[in-house]
Amino acid sequence: MDDRKRMGKDKDGVIFPVAPQLSEMSDSYLDFIEGIKEKIKTQRLSVVVAANSSMICLYWTIGKAILEKQREEGWGAKVIDRMAKDLKDAFPEMSGFSPRNIKYMRKFAECWPDYEFVQQVVAQIPWRTNIQLLDKLDDRESRIWYAQKVLENGWSSTVLEFQIEGRLMERTGKSVNNFPVALPPSDSDMANQIFKDPYLFDFLGTDMPRREVEIERQLTEHIQNFLLELGQGFAFVGRQVPLEVGGQDFYIDLLFYHLKLRCYVVIELKARDFEPGFVSQLNMYQNVVDDILRHPDDKPTIGLLLVKGKNKTVVEYSLTGYQNPIGVAEWKNQLAHALPEELKSSLPSIEEIEKELEQK
């Protein structure tokens, strides 16, 4: 049959796959599809008992069988259309046997050749989330990293997509800090993986705040989004937390407690580039929190300084000699971050807009 007739086509140009006739298929395919049916029959009970992991392991088995047969027999894409029809006919009460989903099974097995890893990691993740890993990422390393984060944090497929688009993997562990000298090795490694650089505040909108107090207010108004960006384990304690030191009043911009690190986290926000004096102020706040709020079982308070820009070398020298663990990272508007480079270069900067307005 002509391929165009087989595929079918409506007036809007939408293609509807039509399975080839069974008589067109080889004896090898007939034996193959019967074998797949038997595998499905033997695993149906376990699919009911442990629906997600058993189903995904079954999908992997089907995908692997397709890959092997395609290598051995040189089968083309039309086999998958025929498989979809045969499996739907054999198991009408089971969903998931569309041509599109069977293609994902093949890609899933191709991307994850190690069945033990499939059982331990990706089979514990919903199928829709696995599809996000296949569609949104191109390499094994990043797929493994995000799959493990899904398990650790219980992300939905929507949150996973958000984190991939925000390039979380590239930002994690990138803050400039003194954790290796200020914390024990195990705590230092954990803290380094918890903090990132830069932090993306896309929820601040296009009207970017210019003063710290505006940033604080918007972050607390969007506390759920802010906590999502900070990462798993942060509990909000307060904003503009008052401290009285030597008869003088001071205010911590944002105070959190981290449940895994078992310590307070003082966050200071700056609407301008890094200055060495910021570290001294943050260090004092950490000392006061350790003296007044810290429980005997708590770990030392960590300081996180968020700035609009920084020179890494200047930050490293500024942190030298401080005993309190301090990290320095930038905060950015994700909206600007997400723009293609060629589009960003065509947009005027804030400074250029202000200069233009001054001339009018």
Protein backbone atom coordinates (compact mmCIF):
# COMPACT_ATOMS: atom_id res chain seq x y z
CA MET A 1 0.00 0.00 0.00
CA ASP A 2 1.22 3.51 -0.78
CA ASP A 3 2.72 5.14 2.32
CA ARG A 4 0.65 8.31 1.88
CA LYS A 5 -2.57 6.27 1.75
CA ARG A 6 -1.50 4.21 4.72
CA MET A 7 -0.81 7.26 6.85
CA GLY A 8 -4.02 9.04 5.88
CA LYS A 9 -4.34 12.81 5.68
CA ASP A 10 -7.14 15.28 6.42
CA LYS A 11 -7.77 18.64 4.80
CA ASP A 12 -5.80 20.49 7.51
CA GLY A 13 -2.70 18.42 6.88
CA VAL A 14 -2.95 16.44 10.14
CA ILE A 15 -1.54 12.94 9.77
CA PHE A 16 -3.29 9.95 11.39
CA PRO A 17 -1.03 6.86 11.55
CA VAL A 18 -2.74 3.77 10.12
CA ALA A 19 -1.31 0.36 11.00
CA PRO A 20 -0.14 -1.83 8.11
CA GLN A 21 -2.19 -4.96 7.43
CA LEU A 22 -1.11 -8.01 9.45
CA SER A 23 -0.61 -9.87 6.17
CA GLU A 24 2.10 -7.38 5.27
CA MET A 25 4.16 -8.25 8.35
CA SER A 26 6.86 -10.93 8.39
CA ASP A 27 6.70 -14.20 10.35
CA SER A 28 9.43 -12.80 12.56
CA TYR A 29 7.17 -9.93 13.55
CA LEU A 30 4.27 -12.29 14.33
CA ASP A 31 6.49 -14.29 16.70
CA PHE A 32 7.79 -11.06 18.20
CA ILE A 33 4.38 -9.52 18.94
CA GLU A 34 3.20 -12.77 20.55
CA GLY A 35 6.24 -12.68 22.82
CA ILE A 36 5.46 -9.10 23.83
CA LYS A 37 1.88 -10.07 24.62
CA GLU A 38 3.09 -12.86 26.88
CA LYS A 39 5.40 -10.45 28.76
CA ILE A 40 2.47 -8.10 29.34
CA LYS A 41 0.26 -10.94 30.57
CA THR A 42 2.83 -12.16 33.10
CA GLN A 43 3.38 -8.69 34.54
CA ARG A 44 -0.21 -7.46 34.68
CA LEU A 45 -0.68 -8.43 38.34
CA SER A 46 2.50 -6.65 39.42
CA VAL A 47 1.45 -3.61 37.38
CA VAL A 48 -1.69 -3.44 39.51
CA VAL A 49 0.20 -3.96 42.80
CA ALA A 50 3.08 -1.60 42.12
CA ALA A 51 1.62 0.37 39.25
CA ASN A 52 4.29 2.91 38.43
CA SER A 53 7.57 1.01 38.82
CA SER A 54 6.23 -2.22 37.28
CA MET A 55 4.71 -0.32 34.38
CA ILE A 56 7.94 1.53 33.68
CA CYS A 57 9.99 -1.67 33.90
CA LEU A 58 7.52 -3.21 31.46
CA TYR A 59 7.91 -0.22 29.14
CA TRP A 60 11.70 -0.64 29.32
CA THR A 61 11.37 -4.34 28.44
CA ILE A 62 9.21 -3.52 25.43
CA GLY A 63 11.55 -0.74 24.32
CA LYS A 64 14.60 -2.98 24.63
CA ALA A 65 12.90 -5.75 22.63
CA ILE A 66 12.06 -3.26 19.86
CA LEU A 67 15.65 -2.01 19.73
CA GLU A 68 17.01 -5.54 19.49
CA LYS A 69 14.60 -6.50 16.73
CA GLN A 70 15.27 -3.33 14.79
CA ARG A 71 18.99 -4.08 14.92
CA GLU A 72 18.47 -7.73 13.94
CA GLU A 73 15.70 -7.36 11.38
CA GLY A 74 16.14 -3.80 10.17
CA TRP A 75 12.53 -2.96 10.99
CA GLY A 76 11.32 0.55 10.20
CA ALA A 77 8.91 2.88 11.98
CA LYS A 78 5.80 1.20 10.51
CA VAL A 79 6.31 -1.76 12.86
CA ILE A 80 5.47 0.48 15.82
CA ASP A 81 2.15 1.48 14.25
CA ARG A 82 1.33 -2.23 13.81
CA MET A 83 2.43 -3.01 17.38
CA ALA A 84 0.18 -0.28 18.75
CA LYS A 85 -2.86 -1.80 17.02
CA ASP A 86 -2.06 -5.37 18.06
CA LEU A 87 -1.41 -4.47 21.69
CA LYS A 88 -4.56 -2.35 21.93
CA ASP A 89 -6.58 -5.22 20.46
CA ALA A 90 -5.05 -7.70 22.89
CA PHE A 91 -5.33 -5.47 25.96
CA PRO A 92 -8.18 -3.00 25.33
CA GLU A 93 -8.44 -2.08 29.02
CA MET A 94 -4.80 -0.96 29.23
CA SER A 95 -3.70 2.50 28.13
CA GLY A 96 -0.22 3.49 27.04
CA PHE A 97 0.06 1.57 23.77
CA SER A 98 -0.24 4.47 21.34
CA PRO A 99 2.41 4.70 18.59
CA ARG A 100 3.79 7.81 20.27
CA ASN A 101 4.15 6.14 23.65
CA ILE A 102 5.73 3.03 22.19
CA LYS A 103 8.33 5.27 20.53
CA TYR A 104 9.02 6.72 23.97
CA MET A 105 9.50 3.16 25.29
CA ARG A 106 12.14 2.58 22.63
CA LYS A 107 13.88 5.87 23.43
CA PHE A 108 13.62 5.14 27.17
CA ALA A 109 15.42 1.79 26.77
CA GLU A 110 17.99 3.40 24.48
CA CYS A 111 18.77 6.16 26.99
CA TRP A 112 18.84 3.83 30.01
CA PRO A 113 20.62 0.60 28.94
CA ASP A 114 21.34 -0.43 32.57
CA TYR A 115 18.25 -2.25 33.87
CA GLU A 116 19.46 -2.14 37.48
CA PHE A 117 19.61 1.65 37.34
CA VAL A 118 16.14 1.70 35.78
CA GLN A 119 14.75 -0.35 38.68
CA GLN A 120 16.47 1.69 41.38
CA VAL A 121 15.99 5.21 40.04
CA VAL A 122 13.88 6.04 37.01
CA ALA A 123 11.26 3.33 37.64
CA GLN A 124 10.47 5.20 40.87
CA ILE A 125 9.58 8.30 38.84
CA PRO A 126 6.20 8.78 37.11
CA TRP A 127 6.21 8.03 33.37
CA ARG A 128 5.21 11.60 32.48
CA THR A 129 8.25 12.86 34.40
CA ASN A 130 10.47 10.35 32.61
CA ILE A 131 9.21 11.71 29.31
CA GLN A 132 10.29 15.21 30.44
CA LEU A 133 13.79 13.82 31.10
CA LEU A 134 13.86 12.34 27.59
CA ASP A 135 12.45 15.41 25.83
CA LYS A 136 14.14 18.25 27.71
CA LEU A 137 17.66 16.83 28.19
CA ASP A 138 20.20 15.56 25.67
CA ASP A 139 22.87 13.83 27.73
CA ARG A 140 23.01 11.00 30.26
CA GLU A 141 24.80 13.00 32.98
CA SER A 142 22.11 15.68 33.21
CA ARG A 143 19.30 13.10 33.01
CA ILE A 144 20.80 11.19 35.95
CA TRP A 145 21.27 14.41 37.96
CA TYR A 146 17.70 15.61 37.47
CA ALA A 147 16.23 12.11 37.99
CA GLN A 148 17.95 11.91 41.37
CA LYS A 149 16.69 15.40 42.27
CA VAL A 150 13.14 14.33 41.40
CA LEU A 151 13.47 11.43 43.83
CA GLU A 152 15.06 13.56 46.56
CA ASN A 153 12.57 16.41 46.33
CA GLY A 154 9.40 14.78 45.04
CA TRP A 155 9.12 17.17 42.09
CA SER A 156 6.16 16.94 39.74
CA SER A 157 6.79 16.96 35.99
CA THR A 158 5.82 20.66 35.97
CA VAL A 159 8.39 21.54 38.64
CA LEU A 160 11.01 19.44 36.85
CA GLU A 161 10.39 21.35 33.62
CA PHE A 162 10.71 24.64 35.52
CA GLN A 163 14.02 23.56 37.08
CA ILE A 164 15.44 22.35 33.76
CA GLU A 165 14.47 25.59 32.02
CA GLY A 166 16.07 27.48 34.91
CA ARG A 167 19.30 25.47 34.38
CA LEU A 168 19.40 24.36 38.01
CA MET A 169 22.17 21.82 37.41
CA GLU A 170 24.51 24.44 35.96
CA ARG A 171 23.86 26.79 38.90
CA THR A 172 24.08 24.32 41.79
CA GLY A 173 27.28 24.42 43.83
CA LYS A 174 28.53 27.54 42.05
CA SER A 175 28.40 30.14 44.86
CA VAL A 176 31.70 31.67 45.99
CA ASN A 177 32.09 30.62 49.62
CA ASN A 178 34.39 29.67 52.47
CA PHE A 179 32.50 26.47 53.38
CA PRO A 180 35.57 24.16 53.07
CA VAL A 181 37.41 26.03 55.84
CA ALA A 182 34.40 27.05 57.96
CA LEU A 183 32.51 23.73 58.09
CA PRO A 184 33.35 20.03 58.58
CA PRO A 185 33.81 18.20 55.24
CA SER A 186 30.39 16.48 55.26
CA ASP A 187 28.55 19.72 56.11
CA SER A 188 30.66 21.68 53.63
CA ASP A 189 29.79 19.33 50.77
CA MET A 190 26.09 19.44 51.62
CA ALA A 191 26.02 23.23 51.98
CA ASN A 192 27.86 23.66 48.69
CA GLN A 193 25.22 21.57 46.89
CA ILE A 194 22.35 23.42 48.59
CA PHE A 195 23.46 26.91 47.56
CA LYS A 196 23.68 28.01 43.93
CA ASP A 197 24.70 30.94 41.73
CA PRO A 198 22.89 32.83 40.35
CA TYR A 199 19.45 32.78 41.97
CA LEU A 200 16.65 33.44 39.49
CA PHE A 201 13.79 35.65 40.69
CA ASP A 202 11.53 35.49 37.65
CA PHE A 203 8.50 36.10 39.87
CA LEU A 204 9.63 39.69 40.47
CA GLY A 205 8.27 40.55 37.02
CA THR A 206 9.58 43.01 34.46
CA ASP A 207 9.50 46.02 36.80
CA MET A 208 12.76 45.22 38.55
CA PRO A 209 13.08 46.61 42.11
CA ARG A 210 15.94 49.02 42.78
CA ARG A 211 16.10 48.96 46.59
CA GLU A 212 16.68 46.08 49.01
CA VAL A 213 13.42 46.74 50.85
CA GLU A 214 11.46 46.34 47.59
CA ILE A 215 13.19 43.05 46.84
CA GLU A 216 12.48 41.72 50.37
CA ARG A 217 8.83 42.69 50.14
CA GLN A 218 8.35 40.99 46.78
CA LEU A 219 10.22 37.87 47.86
CA THR A 220 8.02 37.46 50.93
CA GLU A 221 4.89 38.20 48.89
CA HIS A 222 5.95 35.36 46.60
CA ILE A 223 7.34 33.19 49.37
CA GLN A 224 6.30 29.89 47.77
CA ASN A 225 8.17 30.71 44.56
CA PHE A 226 11.12 31.99 46.57
CA LEU A 227 11.28 28.77 48.62
CA LEU A 228 11.14 26.75 45.41
CA GLU A 229 14.11 28.68 44.05
CA LEU A 230 16.04 28.34 47.31
CA GLY A 231 15.53 24.58 47.21
CA GLN A 232 14.28 21.76 49.40
CA GLY A 233 14.66 22.13 53.17
CA PHE A 234 14.38 25.88 53.71
CA ALA A 235 11.82 27.03 56.33
CA PHE A 236 10.97 30.75 56.44
CA VAL A 237 11.50 32.36 59.87
CA GLY A 238 11.06 36.07 59.19
CA ARG A 239 11.80 39.25 57.30
CA GLN A 240 13.52 42.33 58.77
CA VAL A 241 14.20 40.39 61.97
CA PRO A 242 15.21 42.99 64.60
CA LEU A 243 18.50 42.75 66.49
CA GLU A 244 19.67 45.11 69.23
CA VAL A 245 23.45 45.16 69.53
CA GLY A 246 25.21 47.56 71.91
CA GLY A 247 22.15 49.80 72.05
CA GLN A 248 21.92 49.98 68.24
CA ASP A 249 19.15 48.50 66.11
CA PHE A 250 19.92 46.20 63.20
CA TYR A 251 17.62 44.19 60.94
CA ILE A 252 18.26 40.86 59.21
CA ASP A 253 16.81 41.00 55.71
CA LEU A 254 15.62 37.39 55.64
CA LEU A 255 16.04 34.59 58.16
CA PHE A 256 15.53 30.90 57.36
CA TYR A 257 16.18 27.57 59.04
CA HIS A 258 17.46 24.66 56.97
CA LEU A 259 16.06 21.31 58.04
CA LYS A 260 18.82 19.12 56.57
CA LEU A 261 21.75 21.30 57.57
CA ARG A 262 20.14 21.87 61.00
CA CYS A 263 21.13 25.51 61.13
CA TYR A 264 19.84 29.05 60.66
CA VAL A 265 20.52 30.75 57.33
CA VAL A 266 20.84 34.55 57.28
CA ILE A 267 20.20 36.06 53.83
CA GLU A 268 21.27 39.60 53.07
CA LEU A 269 20.02 41.18 49.84
CA LYS A 270 21.80 43.92 47.95
CA ALA A 271 20.44 45.78 44.92
CA ARG A 272 23.98 46.63 43.85
CA ASP A 273 27.30 44.91 43.14
CA PHE A 274 29.38 43.20 45.81
CA GLU A 275 31.39 45.33 48.23
CA PRO A 276 33.79 43.86 50.83
CA GLY A 277 31.97 45.66 53.67
CA PHE A 278 28.87 43.54 53.06
CA VAL A 279 30.69 40.49 54.43
CA SER A 280 31.48 42.19 57.74
CA GLN A 281 27.83 43.12 58.26
CA LEU A 282 26.64 39.61 57.43
CA ASN A 283 29.26 38.08 59.71
CA MET A 284 28.01 40.20 62.63
CA TYR A 285 24.43 39.06 62.04
CA GLN A 286 25.58 35.44 62.07
CA ASN A 287 27.38 35.96 65.37
CA VAL A 288 24.28 37.43 66.98
CA VAL A 289 22.02 34.64 65.67
CA ASP A 290 24.47 32.03 66.97
CA ASP A 291 24.56 33.74 70.37
CA ILE A 292 20.83 34.40 70.81
CA LEU A 293 18.77 32.05 68.58
CA ARG A 294 20.95 29.01 67.99
CA HIS A 295 20.03 25.87 69.94
CA PRO A 296 22.92 23.80 71.39
CA ASP A 297 22.12 21.05 68.86
CA ASP A 298 22.12 23.46 65.89
CA LYS A 299 25.06 23.76 63.51
CA PRO A 300 26.76 27.16 62.95
CA THR A 301 24.60 29.75 61.19
CA ILE A 302 25.30 30.08 57.45
CA GLY A 303 25.27 33.47 55.76
CA LEU A 304 24.16 33.97 52.15
CA LEU A 305 24.84 37.31 50.50
CA LEU A 306 22.82 37.95 47.33
CA VAL A 307 24.16 40.73 45.12
CA LYS A 308 23.46 42.12 41.64
CA GLY A 309 26.99 41.42 40.47
CA LYS A 310 30.38 40.34 41.80
CA ASN A 311 34.05 39.93 41.00
CA LYS A 312 35.00 36.41 42.05
CA THR A 313 38.56 37.30 43.02
CA VAL A 314 37.43 40.23 45.17
CA VAL A 315 34.87 38.00 46.90
CA GLU A 316 37.43 35.27 47.61
CA TYR A 317 39.85 37.73 49.23
CA SER A 318 37.00 39.33 51.18
CA LEU A 319 35.99 35.97 52.68
CA THR A 320 39.53 35.06 53.72
CA GLY A 321 39.93 34.98 57.51
CA TYR A 322 36.24 34.69 58.40
CA GLN A 323 35.35 31.70 60.57
CA ASN A 324 31.60 31.82 59.93
CA PRO A 325 30.42 29.94 56.79
CA ILE A 326 29.46 32.52 54.16
CA GLY A 327 28.39 32.17 50.55
CA VAL A 328 28.10 34.94 47.96
CA ALA A 329 25.88 34.60 44.88
CA GLU A 330 24.16 36.84 42.35
CA TRP A 331 20.44 37.23 41.88
CA LYS A 332 18.97 37.75 38.44
CA ASN A 333 15.67 38.18 36.69
CA GLN A 334 15.02 34.88 34.92
CA LEU A 335 12.93 36.68 32.32
CA ALA A 336 16.03 38.43 31.02
CA HIS A 337 18.12 35.27 31.51
CA ALA A 338 15.77 33.24 29.33
CA LEU A 339 15.88 35.56 26.31
CA PRO A 340 17.89 34.35 23.31
CA GLU A 341 21.30 36.03 23.04
CA GLU A 342 20.48 37.67 19.72
CA LEU A 343 17.31 39.21 21.21
CA LYS A 344 19.00 40.33 24.43
CA SER A 345 21.66 42.17 22.48
CA SER A 346 18.98 44.14 20.64
CA LEU A 347 17.26 45.36 23.83
CA PRO A 348 18.43 48.57 25.52
CA SER A 349 19.88 48.30 29.03
CA ILE A 350 18.33 50.13 32.01
CA GLU A 351 21.26 52.54 31.93
CA GLU A 352 20.66 53.30 28.24
CA ILE A 353 16.95 53.91 28.85
CA GLU A 354 17.69 56.26 31.77
CA LYS A 355 20.26 58.16 29.69
CA GLU A 356 17.73 58.55 26.87
CA LEU A 357 15.07 59.84 29.28
CA GLU A 358 17.48 62.37 30.79
CA GLN A 359 18.05 63.90 27.34
CA LYS A 360 14.33 64.51 26.73
